[in-house]
Amino acid sequence: MSDPNREAEDFARARRGRNIALALGLVVFVILIFVVTIVRLGGSVAERTF
């Protein structure tokens, strides 16, 4: 029979790995949206006076 504590550790490790992958994917998505927004607005946005 398998050890229930060991199985819980394995599930926790797998969950942690999925959470890290999801967080990295979200960060990449946010950076991609930011870059696309800056490119579409053009480089002169920083020089604009308000």
N, C-alpha and C. Protein backbone atom coordinates (compact mmCIF):
# COMPACT_ATOMS: atom_id res chain seq x y z
N MET A 1 0.84 -1.19 0.00
CA MET A 1 0.00 0.00 0.00
C MET A 1 0.88 1.24 0.00
N SER A 2 0.35 2.28 -0.54
CA SER A 2 1.11 3.52 -0.59
C SER A 2 0.85 4.35 0.66
N ASP A 3 1.81 5.20 0.94
CA ASP A 3 1.74 6.06 2.11
C ASP A 3 0.87 7.28 1.80
N PRO A 4 -0.20 7.53 2.54
CA PRO A 4 -1.07 8.69 2.27
C PRO A 4 -0.33 10.03 2.41
N ASN A 5 0.62 10.11 3.33
CA ASN A 5 1.36 11.36 3.49
C ASN A 5 2.22 11.64 2.26
N ARG A 6 2.80 10.59 1.71
CA ARG A 6 3.63 10.75 0.51
C ARG A 6 2.77 11.20 -0.67
N GLU A 7 1.58 10.64 -0.79
CA GLU A 7 0.68 11.03 -1.88
C GLU A 7 0.28 12.50 -1.73
N ALA A 8 0.04 12.94 -0.52
CA ALA A 8 -0.32 14.35 -0.29
C ALA A 8 0.83 15.26 -0.69
N GLU A 9 2.05 14.85 -0.40
CA GLU A 9 3.22 15.65 -0.79
C GLU A 9 3.34 15.71 -2.31
N ASP A 10 3.09 14.58 -2.98
CA ASP A 10 3.17 14.55 -4.44
C ASP A 10 2.11 15.46 -5.06
N PHE A 11 0.89 15.41 -4.53
CA PHE A 11 -0.17 16.29 -5.03
C PHE A 11 0.17 17.75 -4.79
N ALA A 12 0.72 18.06 -3.62
CA ALA A 12 1.09 19.45 -3.31
C ALA A 12 2.19 19.93 -4.24
N ARG A 13 3.16 19.07 -4.53
CA ARG A 13 4.25 19.44 -5.43
C ARG A 13 3.71 19.68 -6.84
N ALA A 14 2.81 18.83 -7.29
CA ALA A 14 2.22 19.00 -8.62
C ALA A 14 1.39 20.28 -8.68
N ARG A 15 0.62 20.55 -7.63
CA ARG A 15 -0.19 21.77 -7.58
C ARG A 15 0.71 23.01 -7.61
N ARG A 16 1.79 22.96 -6.86
CA ARG A 16 2.72 24.09 -6.83
C ARG A 16 3.31 24.33 -8.22
N GLY A 17 3.65 23.26 -8.91
CA GLY A 17 4.19 23.40 -10.27
C GLY A 17 3.18 24.01 -11.22
N ARG A 18 1.92 23.58 -11.11
CA ARG A 18 0.88 24.17 -11.96
C ARG A 18 0.66 25.63 -11.63
N ASN A 19 0.70 25.98 -10.35
CA ASN A 19 0.52 27.38 -9.96
C ASN A 19 1.63 28.25 -10.49
N ILE A 20 2.86 27.76 -10.43
CA ILE A 20 4.00 28.52 -10.95
C ILE A 20 3.86 28.70 -12.46
N ALA A 21 3.48 27.63 -13.17
CA ALA A 21 3.31 27.72 -14.62
C ALA A 21 2.20 28.70 -14.97
N LEU A 22 1.11 28.68 -14.22
CA LEU A 22 0.01 29.60 -14.47
C LEU A 22 0.42 31.05 -14.20
N ALA A 23 1.17 31.27 -13.14
CA ALA A 23 1.65 32.62 -12.83
C ALA A 23 2.59 33.13 -13.91
N LEU A 24 3.50 32.29 -14.36
CA LEU A 24 4.42 32.71 -15.43
C LEU A 24 3.66 33.01 -16.71
N GLY A 25 2.67 32.19 -17.03
CA GLY A 25 1.85 32.44 -18.21
C GLY A 25 1.11 33.76 -18.11
N LEU A 26 0.59 34.07 -16.94
CA LEU A 26 -0.12 35.33 -16.74
C LEU A 26 0.82 36.53 -16.88
N VAL A 27 2.01 36.41 -16.33
CA VAL A 27 3.00 37.50 -16.44
C VAL A 27 3.39 37.71 -17.90
N VAL A 28 3.61 36.64 -18.64
CA VAL A 28 3.96 36.76 -20.05
C VAL A 28 2.81 37.41 -20.82
N PHE A 29 1.57 37.03 -20.51
CA PHE A 29 0.41 37.61 -21.18
C PHE A 29 0.32 39.12 -20.91
N VAL A 30 0.52 39.53 -19.67
CA VAL A 30 0.45 40.95 -19.32
C VAL A 30 1.55 41.73 -20.03
N ILE A 31 2.75 41.18 -20.06
CA ILE A 31 3.86 41.85 -20.75
C ILE A 31 3.57 41.95 -22.25
N LEU A 32 3.01 40.89 -22.83
CA LEU A 32 2.67 40.92 -24.24
C LEU A 32 1.63 41.99 -24.54
N ILE A 33 0.60 42.09 -23.73
CA ILE A 33 -0.42 43.13 -23.93
C ILE A 33 0.19 44.52 -23.80
N PHE A 34 1.08 44.70 -22.83
CA PHE A 34 1.75 45.99 -22.64
C PHE A 34 2.57 46.36 -23.87
N VAL A 35 3.36 45.41 -24.37
CA VAL A 35 4.21 45.68 -25.54
C VAL A 35 3.36 45.99 -26.76
N VAL A 36 2.30 45.22 -26.98
CA VAL A 36 1.44 45.46 -28.13
C VAL A 36 0.79 46.83 -28.02
N THR A 37 0.38 47.22 -26.83
CA THR A 37 -0.24 48.54 -26.63
C THR A 37 0.75 49.65 -26.95
N ILE A 38 1.97 49.53 -26.46
CA ILE A 38 2.99 50.56 -26.72
C ILE A 38 3.30 50.63 -28.21
N VAL A 39 3.40 49.51 -28.88
CA VAL A 39 3.70 49.50 -30.31
C VAL A 39 2.56 50.13 -31.10
N ARG A 40 1.33 49.81 -30.74
CA ARG A 40 0.19 50.38 -31.47
C ARG A 40 0.04 51.88 -31.23
N LEU A 41 0.35 52.34 -30.03
CA LEU A 41 0.24 53.77 -29.75
C LEU A 41 1.38 54.55 -30.39
N GLY A 42 2.48 53.92 -30.63
CA GLY A 42 3.62 54.57 -31.25
C GLY A 42 4.63 55.01 -30.21
N GLY A 43 5.82 55.27 -30.68
CA GLY A 43 6.91 55.63 -29.78
C GLY A 43 6.84 57.04 -29.25
N SER A 44 6.01 57.90 -29.84
CA SER A 44 5.98 59.30 -29.44
C SER A 44 5.05 59.54 -28.24
N VAL A 45 4.48 58.51 -27.67
CA VAL A 45 3.57 58.67 -26.55
C VAL A 45 4.29 59.28 -25.35
N ALA A 46 5.52 58.90 -25.13
CA ALA A 46 6.29 59.40 -23.99
C ALA A 46 6.63 60.88 -24.16
N GLU A 47 6.68 61.36 -25.39
CA GLU A 47 7.06 62.74 -25.65
C GLU A 47 5.85 63.68 -25.66
N ARG A 48 4.65 63.16 -25.54
CA ARG A 48 3.44 63.94 -25.61
C ARG A 48 3.32 64.87 -24.41
N THR A 49 2.94 66.12 -24.62
CA THR A 49 2.68 67.05 -23.51
C THR A 49 1.20 67.05 -23.20
N PHE A 50 0.88 67.18 -21.93
CA PHE A 50 -0.52 67.12 -21.52
C PHE A 50 -1.05 68.46 -21.15
